[in-house]
Each structure stands twice: as C-alpha cells, then as structure tokens.
Amino acid sequence: MKGVVNEFGPQGANSDPWTLEHVEAWLGAFHGSGPIAVLANREPIRHDYAPDGSIVESRSASGLVTALEPLVEACSGVWVAHGAGTADDVLVDRRDRLEVPPAKPLYRLRRVWLDAREQRGYYDGFANEGLWPLCHRAGVEPIFRSDDFSMYHAVNTRFASAVCEEVESEWPLVFVHDYHFALAPRLIRERLPLSSIVTFWHIPWAHPRDYRKCPWGRQLLEGLLGSTIVGFQTDDDCQRFIGTVESLLGADVDHRRKVIACGDRRVTVRSYPVSVEWPNRWTCQSPPVETCRAIVRRQLPPDVLLAVGVDRLDYTKGIEEKCLAVERMFELHPELCGRFVLVQIAEPSRDRLTAYQAYRSRLRQTVDRINLRFGTERYRPLILIEAHHEPAEVYQFLRAADVCYVGSLHDGMNLVAKEFVAARDDNRGVLVLSTFAGASRELTEALIVDPHDIDRCARTLVRALMMTPEEQARRMRAMRALVAQFNAYRWVAEMLRDAACSRSAQDLPDIQHGNWQTDGLPA
C-alpha cells in the first residue's frame, strides 16, 4: 500500500507518521455501531493481592497489549479478556466491568472468569500445548487432547457471548485476537450476522502439511472464516493460511485479491505487520539515555559493553542460543571476557507446562555453566532476570543497552525489536535480529542472524559491539523512520480501512463457481 494516496494524504515511506486522527477518521466509517469491541485473552491491566493484603496493579508487557490499547482508548471501546489477577474480581462492578483508568476512563474492561479446570483445558492444553507448538517451528511437538478441545470450544463460546453482551448494535465492529479464539468469530457471527469482524492471528501460521496434525483443524478454519477479515503478520503467513483453507476445505479463492468464498460471504486475508506506538509514550516518559545507563549499570563493572534481551521465558525465543553465542564469542575473543555482559530479562510464562519447565531448567544450567567458565566472584557475563518488568523499566534497559539481541527461533513479529528502535532517540545502539522474527522483513538495517548458527551469531555480536557511532546512527535513523511511518496507528487504521471497504461491499452479488465480483474490495 506504499505510495497510495487517500484523504489522509500520501501513505508512502516519506509521508508523515499516522496518528490517532487517522484511526478516528476510519472509525467514522462505522457510525452507529457503538464502541469497538476487542477480544483478547490477555487483559491490559491486572490486579493482585500483595503479601500485606493490599491490591497491586500491574500492566501487561505483552506486545499485543502494546499495539492494541491505543485503538481501544481512541474510540472509548471495550476490551473483553480473562480476569487472571487474584484481586481482579474485587474491583469490577456487578457486570464484571472496570473503567480504565478509574479516575478518567478511556475505555471499559470486561473480565471473564475461568476456573482452574477451564484454564488447564483451554489455555494450558489446547492453546499452548497444541496450537502454539503447531504454529512455531521450535522443536516441540504439539499435544492434542479431546477434553482440551471441548474446553476450548466452551470457553470460546463464553467469551463470544461476553462480546455480544457488550456491543450496542446489531452491526458492531469486533476485533478478535490470536490463537486463543479461533472459534469465536463464527460464534459471534451466528448471533450478530451483520457484524464486521476483524481477526488478527499474531503468531505464525503453520504450513498446511503441519496443520493437518490438528484433529480439529476444520473446525478452527470454519471458526476463523466467520470473520470479515483475517489478518496475519506477513504475506507468507497469508499464503500458508489460504493454502490450508484450500487443502482442508476445498474453498474457492481469488489468489490475486486474497479473498475466500465462504457460502454467501467473502473473507479477505491480509498481512498487517503489527507495530508500536509513535510517538512512543514510554520513550517520552523515560529519563535521558545517560540517566538510564547509570541506573541499569550501577551493579555492573564500569564501562562494560552491555547487551540486553527482553523476552518471555519461552522455548521459541532463542534465549539459550543467545547464551551459547556469548560463550562462543568469548572463545573467539577472550579479550572481551570481563568487558561484556548480557542482561536477559525473561518474564515467567506458562510455567505449569512440562515443555516450559524443561526449558527453564535447561536454560538455567546453561547460564550457570557459562558463568562458571568465564565469570569470577565479582563478574557474571550472563545475568538472567526471571521477573515481570513494567514497560517503564523495560525501556530503561533498552535505552541503556549498546546492543539489543532478539534471537527468536520462530516469531510472528517480535515487538521488542521495534520497541528498541523507538526507545533510541539518541540514534545509538545496535539491533541484532533473528531472521525468523517477522520484524526482520522490515528492519533491514539491523544485523540479521540465524540463531541456530552459533558461530556466526558470535561474530555478529562482536561486529555489533565494535560498530562505530556513525554507522550506528545511520542504521538507527533509517529504522526509526520506518517504525515511525509504519506505527501502531497505521496498523490499526489499515485494518479499519479494509473493514470499512468490506462493509461497503457487502451488498455486491454473491460469488459463485469462481465468478468473482470484486469491485469495492480493497486493492
């Protein structure tokens, strides 16, 4: 869509960044539909009891929340999510609602409750032992159980009902997010047939031959095809999804326009690379870079070269491979031992699952072994921090780093890469980025690596540490210009635009036997 001109002005790479005004302008295409409803498993804020009995609020570090919250705020919408905090039920009203923020509400949070059995079957089981490894090529085989799928279906039904209760018209605009809710689009459409439903699948889509491992693959596809638009991070994901639909359902597809015939409806498939807010609130609120460096480095050796990783503690993120690259770097360049530290923030994730427990144990053993080999009583080259960090803290680390290392083995986008770029208003720092993260397709001025190639990763890390300030600035300026232009507002506005175009095309003649009538659909 580069170079296209509309009422917002040119949308090419040299135009001004998209803003909330662009989002609000496209929201105008949905007059009378009421606030937008967003369905996502992760809630943007949660409330938990502290040891002293007080209630503590924490913000999600999820990339999904980072990208979506500006949209919900812009339209005073409603966010439907799992109420996972231990004190979440204390703060809601009798309809399980919470105004966010309470003092000056910008949107409404509707919490849905799950008991331990539902959580195990829907989230731990089908979503994260089944769909997550199915869609990520990271060496873990998916596990599918019929009881898990039954619970997944029941929970999807409950969340879909909550969405329908929150909307205020028969033709709302609903955003359904991620692999937790593959069945929800069809369930919502059955109750609200005139709705516009945009479903965004944040993780990679499996290759059609791998997708066949799922015993309920047809049901998932039929659920997703209840959408008006199905969005993915990359064009490759779109092609794999379309190939899966053709292979399993035998649907008619207009490949040029990426439109699937689904009964008397059309489902558009598009790539929308997710991004971060720009101007970035956390960068604007952060202390100066030198202050961040002083804060982060106060427990480190003076003048240390600092690399930072920020990930969930997940086997897809390549954290162990990063550590092995550091080990190899010391073998190749022993002079860097004592002068380099990798601080890896690893937020605990899904630690009830066997695969995650095994990965955590293996990662700790690797870290301990490398620190014993190259460290001293006062120096540890690898610092693994297993804890949640608020966004403001994360941005301090990103602003303090000489290198940000994103080493995903397979990832949909990985917003940490874009957050690092957004954080560096000093035009310094080097991004080392896995070729298997969707962000590598856009941030081509990063140093791109194959995380499996430990030797090359080690050499690339040395190159990053030795890069001149001039080259750092040149690369960072180019990446910052791209992230500014293709920001979260543009991500949202393009989905809104396509939803508006699809809505205006709903009265076009039906598609029959491959005889496509596509006037009015977005190009």
Protein backbone atom coordinates (compact mmCIF):
# COMPACT_ATOMS: atom_id res chain seq x y z
CA MET A 1 0.00 0.00 0.00
CA LYS A 2 3.03 2.25 -0.28
CA GLY A 3 2.52 5.27 -2.48
CA VAL A 4 -1.29 5.14 -2.26
CA VAL A 5 -2.99 8.48 -1.72
CA ASN A 6 -6.27 8.87 0.14
CA GLU A 7 -7.98 11.55 2.18
CA PHE A 8 -5.25 11.29 4.81
CA GLY A 9 -2.58 12.26 2.32
CA PRO A 10 0.21 10.12 0.84
CA GLN A 11 0.90 6.85 2.58
CA GLY A 12 4.35 6.27 1.19
CA ALA A 13 7.52 5.89 3.19
CA ASN A 14 8.28 9.64 3.13
CA SER A 15 4.92 10.90 4.41
CA ASP A 16 4.16 11.98 7.95
CA PRO A 17 3.57 9.25 10.54
CA TRP A 18 0.00 8.10 11.04
CA THR A 19 -1.68 9.38 14.19
CA LEU A 20 -4.76 8.85 16.31
CA GLU A 21 -6.56 11.22 13.95
CA HIS A 22 -6.18 8.69 11.14
CA VAL A 23 -7.65 5.98 13.35
CA GLU A 24 -10.54 8.22 14.37
CA ALA A 25 -11.21 9.14 10.73
CA TRP A 26 -11.65 5.48 9.77
CA LEU A 27 -13.76 4.91 12.85
CA GLY A 28 -16.15 7.35 11.24
CA ALA A 29 -16.95 4.66 8.69
CA PHE A 30 -18.76 2.81 11.46
CA HIS A 31 -21.21 5.48 12.63
CA GLY A 32 -23.93 3.97 14.76
CA SER A 33 -22.05 0.77 15.53
CA GLY A 34 -21.08 1.90 19.01
CA PRO A 35 -17.62 1.48 20.56
CA ILE A 36 -15.31 -1.12 19.09
CA ALA A 37 -15.07 -4.39 20.99
CA VAL A 38 -11.70 -6.10 21.33
CA LEU A 39 -11.50 -9.76 22.36
CA ALA A 40 -8.12 -10.95 23.65
CA ASN A 41 -7.07 -13.46 26.27
CA ARG A 42 -4.59 -11.05 27.88
CA GLU A 43 -6.00 -8.14 29.88
CA PRO A 44 -4.09 -4.85 29.65
CA ILE A 45 -4.01 -4.43 33.43
CA ARG A 46 -4.45 -6.91 36.26
CA HIS A 47 -4.89 -6.62 39.99
CA ASP A 48 -3.30 -8.93 42.54
CA TYR A 49 -3.09 -9.14 46.28
CA ALA A 50 0.30 -8.23 47.75
CA PRO A 51 1.65 -10.16 50.78
CA ASP A 52 0.39 -7.40 53.08
CA GLY A 53 -3.16 -7.72 51.71
CA SER A 54 -3.07 -4.56 49.60
CA ILE A 55 -4.03 -4.63 45.93
CA VAL A 56 -1.29 -4.04 43.38
CA GLU A 57 -1.96 -3.07 39.76
CA SER A 58 0.42 -4.24 37.03
CA ARG A 59 0.42 -3.54 33.32
CA SER A 60 0.90 -6.28 30.76
CA ALA A 61 4.19 -6.30 28.89
CA SER A 62 2.51 -8.20 26.03
CA GLY A 63 3.18 -6.91 22.54
CA LEU A 64 -0.49 -7.45 21.78
CA VAL A 65 -1.48 -5.04 24.56
CA THR A 66 1.16 -2.53 23.48
CA ALA A 67 -0.27 -2.44 19.96
CA LEU A 68 -3.99 -2.62 20.78
CA GLU A 69 -4.52 -0.33 23.72
CA PRO A 70 -4.17 2.92 21.73
CA LEU A 71 -7.05 1.75 19.47
CA VAL A 72 -9.38 0.99 22.37
CA GLU A 73 -8.52 4.29 24.02
CA ALA A 74 -9.08 6.21 20.78
CA CYS A 75 -12.66 5.02 20.42
CA SER A 76 -13.65 4.61 24.10
CA GLY A 77 -14.10 0.94 23.31
CA VAL A 78 -14.44 -2.20 25.35
CA TRP A 79 -11.76 -4.83 25.96
CA VAL A 80 -13.01 -8.34 26.77
CA ALA A 81 -10.37 -10.51 28.44
CA HIS A 82 -9.69 -13.21 31.00
CA GLY A 83 -9.64 -11.81 34.53
CA ALA A 84 -6.50 -13.58 35.72
CA GLY A 85 -5.45 -11.44 38.68
CA THR A 86 -6.05 -12.67 42.22
CA ALA A 87 -7.86 -9.41 43.06
CA ASP A 88 -9.48 -8.79 39.67
CA ASP A 89 -12.94 -9.73 40.91
CA VAL A 90 -12.80 -7.20 43.76
CA LEU A 91 -12.66 -4.12 41.54
CA VAL A 92 -15.30 -4.90 38.91
CA ASP A 93 -18.94 -3.88 39.05
CA ARG A 94 -21.85 -6.33 39.15
CA ARG A 95 -21.49 -6.87 35.37
CA ASP A 96 -17.78 -7.68 35.69
CA ARG A 97 -16.74 -4.34 34.23
CA LEU A 98 -13.95 -1.94 35.14
CA GLU A 99 -13.40 1.57 33.78
CA VAL A 100 -9.77 2.18 32.73
CA PRO A 101 -8.29 4.22 34.24
CA PRO A 102 -10.87 4.66 37.02
CA ALA A 103 -10.14 8.35 37.62
CA LYS A 104 -10.51 9.38 33.99
CA PRO A 105 -11.90 6.46 31.95
CA LEU A 106 -10.69 5.99 28.40
CA TYR A 107 -12.21 2.54 27.81
CA ARG A 108 -14.01 -0.32 29.54
CA LEU A 109 -12.52 -3.67 30.54
CA ARG A 110 -14.92 -6.62 30.72
CA ARG A 111 -13.45 -9.50 32.65
CA VAL A 112 -14.42 -13.13 32.04
CA TRP A 113 -13.66 -15.71 34.72
CA LEU A 114 -12.17 -19.18 34.29
CA ASP A 115 -11.77 -21.82 36.95
CA ALA A 116 -8.63 -23.97 37.24
CA ARG A 117 -10.06 -26.80 35.12
CA GLU A 118 -11.09 -24.44 32.33
CA GLN A 119 -7.70 -22.73 32.42
CA ARG A 120 -5.91 -26.09 32.10
CA GLY A 121 -8.00 -27.29 29.17
CA TYR A 122 -8.48 -24.10 27.14
CA TYR A 123 -5.26 -22.20 27.78
CA ASP A 124 -2.59 -24.59 29.02
CA GLY A 125 -3.84 -27.54 27.00
CA PHE A 126 -5.31 -26.79 23.60
CA ALA A 127 -3.92 -23.28 23.07
CA ASN A 128 -0.39 -23.69 24.42
CA GLU A 129 0.38 -27.40 24.27
CA GLY A 130 -1.45 -27.76 20.97
CA LEU A 131 -1.71 -24.65 18.78
CA TRP A 132 1.41 -22.82 19.98
CA PRO A 133 3.93 -25.57 19.09
CA LEU A 134 1.89 -26.44 15.98
CA CYS A 135 2.49 -22.93 14.63
CA HIS A 136 6.06 -22.44 15.85
CA ARG A 137 8.96 -24.38 14.39
CA ALA A 138 10.98 -24.69 17.59
CA GLY A 139 11.44 -28.43 18.11
CA VAL A 140 8.45 -29.06 20.40
CA GLU A 141 5.70 -31.38 19.15
CA PRO A 142 2.06 -30.34 19.68
CA ILE A 143 -0.13 -32.32 22.06
CA PHE A 144 -3.85 -32.56 21.25
CA ARG A 145 -6.44 -33.98 23.66
CA SER A 146 -10.20 -34.21 23.01
CA ASP A 147 -11.03 -32.93 26.51
CA ASP A 148 -8.84 -29.87 25.88
CA PHE A 149 -10.63 -29.08 22.63
CA SER A 150 -14.03 -29.46 24.31
CA MET A 151 -12.95 -26.93 26.93
CA TYR A 152 -11.50 -24.62 24.24
CA HIS A 153 -14.88 -24.67 22.48
CA ALA A 154 -16.78 -23.99 25.72
CA VAL A 155 -14.52 -21.08 26.68
CA ASN A 156 -14.65 -19.58 23.18
CA THR A 157 -18.44 -19.73 23.44
CA ARG A 158 -18.41 -17.89 26.77
CA PHE A 159 -16.08 -15.14 25.56
CA ALA A 160 -18.10 -14.70 22.35
CA SER A 161 -21.24 -14.29 24.47
CA ALA A 162 -19.48 -11.63 26.57
CA VAL A 163 -18.58 -9.70 23.42
CA CYS A 164 -22.18 -9.83 22.22
CA GLU A 165 -23.37 -8.55 25.60
CA GLU A 166 -21.01 -5.57 25.45
CA VAL A 167 -21.79 -4.29 21.95
CA GLU A 168 -24.55 -1.76 21.42
CA SER A 169 -25.88 -2.51 17.95
CA GLU A 170 -26.56 -5.33 15.52
CA TRP A 171 -23.67 -4.30 13.26
CA PRO A 172 -20.69 -3.72 15.56
CA LEU A 173 -17.01 -3.76 14.68
CA VAL A 174 -15.26 -6.53 16.62
CA PHE A 175 -11.53 -7.25 16.75
CA VAL A 176 -10.71 -10.84 17.73
CA HIS A 177 -7.12 -11.51 18.63
CA ASP A 178 -4.90 -14.51 18.42
CA TYR A 179 -4.91 -18.26 18.57
CA HIS A 180 -6.87 -18.45 21.82
CA PHE A 181 -10.09 -17.59 19.97
CA ALA A 182 -10.09 -19.34 16.62
CA LEU A 183 -13.73 -20.44 17.11
CA ALA A 184 -15.03 -17.09 18.36
CA PRO A 185 -15.55 -15.27 15.01
CA ARG A 186 -18.13 -17.78 13.80
CA LEU A 187 -19.82 -17.86 17.23
CA ILE A 188 -20.12 -14.06 17.21
CA ARG A 189 -21.42 -14.00 13.63
CA GLU A 190 -24.13 -16.54 14.46
CA ARG A 191 -25.53 -14.06 16.99
CA LEU A 192 -24.63 -10.85 15.14
CA PRO A 193 -24.75 -11.69 11.42
CA LEU A 194 -24.30 -8.05 10.34
CA SER A 195 -21.16 -7.50 12.40
CA SER A 196 -17.76 -6.64 10.91
CA ILE A 197 -15.23 -8.99 12.49
CA VAL A 198 -11.50 -8.49 12.05
CA THR A 199 -9.50 -11.43 13.39
CA PHE A 200 -5.76 -10.97 13.79
CA TRP A 201 -3.56 -14.04 14.25
CA HIS A 202 -0.42 -12.73 15.98
CA ILE A 203 1.71 -15.88 15.79
CA PRO A 204 2.96 -17.62 12.62
CA TRP A 205 0.52 -19.79 10.67
CA ALA A 206 1.55 -23.42 10.30
CA HIS A 207 2.46 -24.96 6.96
CA PRO A 208 -0.58 -26.84 5.58
CA ARG A 209 1.13 -30.23 5.97
CA ASP A 210 1.92 -29.49 9.63
CA TYR A 211 -1.55 -28.08 10.27
CA ARG A 212 -3.03 -31.48 9.46
CA LYS A 213 -1.66 -32.73 12.79
CA CYS A 214 -4.56 -30.93 14.49
CA PRO A 215 -7.58 -33.28 14.70
CA TRP A 216 -9.96 -30.31 14.81
CA GLY A 217 -8.31 -28.29 12.06
CA ARG A 218 -11.51 -27.99 10.00
CA GLN A 219 -13.46 -26.60 12.95
CA LEU A 220 -10.77 -24.00 13.62
CA LEU A 221 -10.77 -22.88 9.98
CA GLU A 222 -14.56 -22.66 9.91
CA GLY A 223 -14.42 -20.58 13.08
CA LEU A 224 -11.86 -18.17 11.63
CA LEU A 225 -13.86 -17.87 8.39
CA GLY A 226 -16.67 -16.34 10.42
CA SER A 227 -14.52 -13.20 10.16
CA THR A 228 -14.84 -10.40 7.66
CA ILE A 229 -11.05 -10.11 7.53
CA VAL A 230 -8.37 -12.49 8.77
CA GLY A 231 -5.07 -10.70 9.34
CA PHE A 232 -1.54 -12.04 9.72
CA GLN A 233 1.91 -10.61 10.35
CA THR A 234 3.44 -11.48 6.95
CA ASP A 235 2.46 -12.33 3.41
CA ASP A 236 3.98 -15.79 3.92
CA ASP A 237 1.51 -16.42 6.75
CA CYS A 238 -1.35 -15.30 4.48
CA GLN A 239 -0.28 -17.73 1.78
CA ARG A 240 0.04 -20.61 4.25
CA PHE A 241 -3.43 -19.88 5.65
CA ILE A 242 -5.01 -19.72 2.19
CA GLY A 243 -3.23 -22.94 1.23
CA THR A 244 -4.57 -24.61 4.37
CA VAL A 245 -8.14 -23.49 3.64
CA GLU A 246 -7.91 -24.76 0.07
CA SER A 247 -6.37 -28.05 1.17
CA LEU A 248 -8.76 -28.87 4.03
CA LEU A 249 -11.98 -27.13 3.00
CA GLY A 250 -11.70 -27.00 -0.78
CA ALA A 251 -12.82 -23.37 -0.76
CA ASP A 252 -12.76 -21.14 -3.85
CA VAL A 253 -10.05 -18.50 -3.57
CA ASP A 254 -9.27 -15.37 -5.56
CA HIS A 255 -5.49 -15.55 -5.11
CA ARG A 256 -4.80 -12.14 -6.60
CA ARG A 257 -7.00 -10.36 -4.09
CA LYS A 258 -6.63 -12.95 -1.33
CA VAL A 259 -10.39 -13.36 -0.92
CA ILE A 260 -12.01 -16.65 0.12
CA ALA A 261 -15.56 -17.59 -0.88
CA CYS A 262 -17.37 -18.77 2.24
CA GLY A 263 -21.01 -19.57 1.42
CA ASP A 264 -22.70 -16.28 0.60
CA ARG A 265 -19.88 -14.31 2.23
CA ARG A 266 -16.34 -13.30 1.33
CA VAL A 267 -13.44 -13.39 3.73
CA THR A 268 -10.46 -11.18 2.98
CA VAL A 269 -6.98 -12.31 4.02
CA ARG A 270 -4.38 -9.57 4.54
CA SER A 271 -0.99 -9.02 6.14
CA TYR A 272 -0.80 -6.22 8.70
CA PRO A 273 2.66 -6.11 10.32
CA VAL A 274 1.99 -5.12 13.92
CA SER A 275 3.98 -2.20 15.30
CA VAL A 276 4.43 0.12 18.27
CA GLU A 277 3.00 3.48 19.22
CA TRP A 278 4.72 6.54 17.73
CA PRO A 279 5.41 8.99 19.26
CA ASN A 280 6.18 6.41 21.90
CA ARG A 281 4.81 7.27 25.34
CA TRP A 282 7.40 5.23 27.22
CA THR A 283 10.30 6.87 25.41
CA CYS A 284 8.83 10.29 26.05
CA GLN A 285 8.39 9.49 29.75
CA SER A 286 11.83 7.89 30.21
CA PRO A 287 14.81 9.63 31.80
CA PRO A 288 17.60 10.76 29.47
CA VAL A 289 19.69 7.96 27.98
CA GLU A 290 22.69 8.73 30.20
CA THR A 291 20.48 8.50 33.28
CA CYS A 292 19.13 5.16 32.10
CA ARG A 293 22.65 3.91 31.54
CA ALA A 294 23.64 4.94 35.06
CA ILE A 295 20.58 3.25 36.59
CA VAL A 296 20.93 -0.04 34.70
CA ARG A 297 24.71 -0.27 35.01
CA ARG A 298 25.14 0.60 38.68
CA GLN A 299 25.60 -3.09 39.60
CA LEU A 300 27.84 -3.83 36.59
CA PRO A 301 31.57 -3.40 36.02
CA PRO A 302 32.48 0.14 34.91
CA ASP A 303 32.49 0.79 31.15
CA VAL A 304 31.06 -2.66 30.42
CA LEU A 305 29.69 -3.37 26.96
CA LEU A 306 26.04 -4.17 27.57
CA ALA A 307 23.70 -6.34 25.52
CA VAL A 308 20.06 -6.63 26.56
CA GLY A 309 17.45 -9.25 25.74
CA VAL A 310 13.77 -8.88 26.64
CA ASP A 311 11.59 -11.96 26.18
CA ARG A 312 9.04 -14.18 27.76
CA LEU A 313 10.70 -17.31 29.12
CA ASP A 314 9.61 -19.36 26.12
CA TYR A 315 11.36 -22.04 24.08
CA THR A 316 10.57 -20.14 20.86
CA LYS A 317 12.58 -17.05 21.88
CA GLY A 318 16.06 -18.49 21.43
CA ILE A 319 17.35 -17.37 24.83
CA GLU A 320 19.60 -20.41 25.27
CA GLU A 321 21.04 -19.88 21.78
CA LYS A 322 21.90 -16.28 22.76
CA CYS A 323 23.84 -17.58 25.75
CA LEU A 324 25.70 -20.09 23.58
CA ALA A 325 26.58 -17.26 21.17
CA VAL A 326 28.10 -15.30 24.07
CA GLU A 327 30.09 -18.37 25.09
CA ARG A 328 31.40 -18.77 21.54
CA MET A 329 32.23 -15.04 21.39
CA PHE A 330 34.46 -15.41 24.46
CA GLU A 331 36.16 -18.41 22.85
CA LEU A 332 36.88 -16.37 19.72
CA HIS A 333 37.67 -13.10 21.54
CA PRO A 334 38.87 -13.81 25.08
CA GLU A 335 39.77 -10.14 25.46
CA LEU A 336 36.04 -9.38 25.76
CA CYS A 337 35.70 -11.51 28.88
CA GLY A 338 35.21 -9.11 31.79
CA ARG A 339 34.21 -6.30 29.44
CA PHE A 340 30.85 -7.67 28.23
CA VAL A 341 27.55 -8.56 29.94
CA LEU A 342 24.28 -9.88 28.53
CA VAL A 343 21.32 -8.94 30.74
CA GLN A 344 18.43 -11.18 29.74
CA ILE A 345 15.01 -10.25 31.08
CA ALA A 346 12.91 -13.41 30.94
CA GLU A 347 9.35 -12.93 32.12
CA PRO A 348 7.99 -16.20 33.57
CA SER A 349 5.47 -17.75 31.22
CA ARG A 350 3.26 -20.87 31.21
CA ASP A 351 5.37 -22.44 33.94
CA ARG A 352 2.72 -25.08 34.63
CA LEU A 353 3.56 -26.75 31.31
CA THR A 354 6.13 -29.54 31.08
CA ALA A 355 7.86 -28.12 27.98
CA TYR A 356 8.35 -24.76 29.72
CA GLN A 357 9.59 -26.33 32.94
CA ALA A 358 12.14 -28.38 31.00
CA TYR A 359 13.26 -25.34 29.01
CA ARG A 360 13.67 -23.21 32.13
CA SER A 361 15.76 -25.92 33.80
CA ARG A 362 17.98 -26.33 30.73
CA LEU A 363 18.41 -22.56 30.34
CA ARG A 364 19.46 -22.14 33.97
CA GLN A 365 22.01 -24.95 33.61
CA THR A 366 23.44 -23.31 30.50
CA VAL A 367 23.67 -19.89 32.18
CA ASP A 368 25.32 -21.35 35.29
CA ARG A 369 27.82 -23.34 33.23
CA ILE A 370 28.89 -20.33 31.13
CA ASN A 371 29.10 -18.04 34.16
CA LEU A 372 31.24 -20.63 35.98
CA ARG A 373 33.50 -20.95 32.95
CA PHE A 374 34.01 -17.24 32.22
CA GLY A 375 32.90 -15.41 35.36
CA THR A 376 34.50 -14.55 38.68
CA GLU A 377 33.22 -13.78 42.16
CA ARG A 378 32.51 -10.21 41.03
CA TYR A 379 31.70 -10.72 37.38
CA ARG A 380 28.95 -12.68 35.63
CA PRO A 381 28.80 -12.39 31.84
CA LEU A 382 25.19 -13.66 31.78
CA ILE A 383 22.58 -12.12 34.06
CA LEU A 384 19.22 -13.89 33.81
CA ILE A 385 16.38 -11.94 35.42
CA GLU A 386 13.25 -14.06 35.73
CA ALA A 387 10.66 -11.43 36.64
CA HIS A 388 7.94 -9.24 35.22
CA HIS A 389 9.04 -5.70 34.40
CA GLU A 390 6.73 -2.77 33.83
CA PRO A 391 7.13 -1.04 30.44
CA ALA A 392 8.91 1.93 32.00
CA GLU A 393 11.56 -0.42 33.41
CA VAL A 394 11.94 -2.27 30.10
CA TYR A 395 12.53 1.00 28.27
CA GLN A 396 15.27 1.94 30.73
CA PHE A 397 17.10 -1.26 29.81
CA LEU A 398 16.57 -0.65 26.08
CA ARG A 399 17.86 2.92 26.34
CA ALA A 400 20.89 1.79 28.34
CA ALA A 401 22.00 -1.01 26.01
CA ASP A 402 24.82 -1.00 23.50
CA VAL A 403 23.12 -3.94 21.77
CA CYS A 404 19.59 -5.33 21.81
CA TYR A 405 19.63 -9.03 20.94
CA VAL A 406 16.41 -10.55 19.56
CA GLY A 407 17.11 -14.21 18.82
CA SER A 408 13.70 -15.80 18.19
CA LEU A 409 13.71 -19.29 16.71
CA HIS A 410 10.28 -18.54 15.20
CA ASP A 411 8.15 -15.48 15.85
CA GLY A 412 5.16 -13.70 14.39
CA MET A 413 6.64 -10.20 14.65
CA ASN A 414 8.54 -9.59 17.94
CA LEU A 415 7.76 -6.08 19.03
CA VAL A 416 10.83 -5.86 21.28
CA ALA A 417 12.85 -5.16 18.13
CA LYS A 418 10.61 -2.19 17.28
CA GLU A 419 10.46 -1.05 20.90
CA PHE A 420 14.25 -0.89 20.98
CA VAL A 421 14.24 1.30 17.88
CA ALA A 422 11.52 3.51 19.36
CA ALA A 423 13.49 3.81 22.61
CA ARG A 424 16.69 5.08 20.98
CA ASP A 425 16.01 8.75 20.37
CA ASP A 426 19.78 9.21 20.73
CA ASN A 427 20.27 7.27 17.46
CA ARG A 428 22.68 4.89 19.17
CA GLY A 429 22.70 1.16 19.84
CA VAL A 430 22.73 -1.86 17.54
CA LEU A 431 19.88 -4.30 16.93
CA VAL A 432 20.87 -7.94 16.40
CA LEU A 433 17.75 -9.57 14.99
CA SER A 434 16.77 -13.12 14.12
CA THR A 435 15.80 -13.77 10.52
CA PHE A 436 12.93 -15.88 11.91
CA ALA A 437 11.22 -12.89 13.54
CA GLY A 438 8.68 -11.10 11.35
CA ALA A 439 10.36 -7.79 12.23
CA SER A 440 13.41 -8.80 10.17
CA ARG A 441 11.41 -8.22 6.98
CA GLU A 442 11.06 -4.54 7.84
CA LEU A 443 14.10 -3.68 9.99
CA THR A 444 16.67 -4.49 7.35
CA GLU A 445 19.26 -2.14 8.89
CA ALA A 446 19.52 -4.46 11.87
CA LEU A 447 22.26 -7.11 11.90
CA ILE A 448 20.24 -10.14 10.78
CA VAL A 449 21.28 -13.56 12.11
CA ASP A 450 20.22 -17.18 12.04
CA PRO A 451 20.01 -18.00 15.77
CA HIS A 452 20.84 -21.65 15.08
CA ASP A 453 24.24 -20.66 13.62
CA ILE A 454 26.00 -20.05 16.93
CA ASP A 455 29.39 -19.29 15.41
CA ARG A 456 28.03 -16.63 13.05
CA CYS A 457 25.89 -15.15 15.83
CA ALA A 458 29.02 -14.80 17.97
CA ARG A 459 30.86 -13.00 15.17
CA THR A 460 27.88 -10.75 14.52
CA LEU A 461 27.72 -9.85 18.21
CA VAL A 462 31.36 -8.77 18.07
CA ARG A 463 30.60 -6.70 14.99
CA ALA A 464 27.72 -5.03 16.84
CA LEU A 465 29.89 -4.22 19.84
CA MET A 466 32.62 -2.74 17.63
CA MET A 467 30.31 -0.73 15.35
CA THR A 468 31.25 2.93 15.02
CA PRO A 469 28.90 5.63 16.35
CA GLU A 470 28.48 6.91 12.79
CA GLU A 471 27.27 3.56 11.46
CA GLN A 472 25.03 3.07 14.48
CA ALA A 473 23.41 6.44 13.84
CA ARG A 474 22.92 5.76 10.12
CA ARG A 475 21.25 2.41 10.74
CA MET A 476 19.16 3.62 13.67
CA ARG A 477 17.88 6.70 11.83
CA ALA A 478 16.69 4.50 8.96
CA MET A 479 14.94 2.07 11.32
CA ARG A 480 13.37 4.86 13.35
CA ALA A 481 11.98 6.46 10.20
CA LEU A 482 10.40 3.14 9.24
CA VAL A 483 8.91 2.43 12.67
CA ALA A 484 7.58 5.99 12.84
CA GLN A 485 5.88 5.63 9.47
CA PHE A 486 4.58 2.09 9.93
CA ASN A 487 3.46 2.52 13.53
CA ALA A 488 0.66 1.01 15.60
CA TYR A 489 -1.79 3.68 14.46
CA ARG A 490 -1.19 2.75 10.85
CA TRP A 491 -1.57 -0.95 11.71
CA VAL A 492 -4.96 -0.24 13.24
CA ALA A 493 -6.10 2.27 10.63
CA GLU A 494 -5.32 -0.07 7.73
CA MET A 495 -7.42 -2.80 9.31
CA LEU A 496 -10.22 -0.28 9.90
CA ARG A 497 -9.96 0.91 6.32
CA ASP A 498 -10.21 -2.59 4.93
CA ALA A 499 -13.11 -3.40 7.26
CA ALA A 500 -14.93 -0.27 6.05
CA CYS A 501 -14.34 -1.21 2.42
CA SER A 502 -15.55 -4.75 3.07
CA ARG A 503 -18.68 -3.43 4.77
CA SER A 504 -19.46 -1.19 1.80
CA ALA A 505 -19.07 -4.21 -0.49
CA GLN A 506 -21.44 -6.49 1.42
CA ASP A 507 -24.35 -5.81 -0.92
CA LEU A 508 -22.41 -6.92 -4.01
CA PRO A 509 -23.58 -10.05 -5.90
CA ASP A 510 -22.66 -13.43 -4.47
CA ILE A 511 -19.58 -15.31 -5.60
CA GLN A 512 -20.47 -18.48 -7.41
CA HIS A 513 -18.28 -21.01 -9.17
CA GLY A 514 -15.27 -18.71 -9.26
CA ASN A 515 -17.19 -15.86 -10.96
CA TRP A 516 -15.75 -13.06 -8.86
CA GLN A 517 -17.33 -9.64 -8.46
CA THR A 518 -14.64 -7.73 -6.59
CA ASP A 519 -15.38 -4.05 -7.23
CA GLY A 520 -15.23 -2.16 -3.99
CA LEU A 521 -12.84 -4.52 -2.24
CA PRO A 522 -9.54 -3.01 -1.10
CA ALA A 523 -6.71 -3.36 -3.55
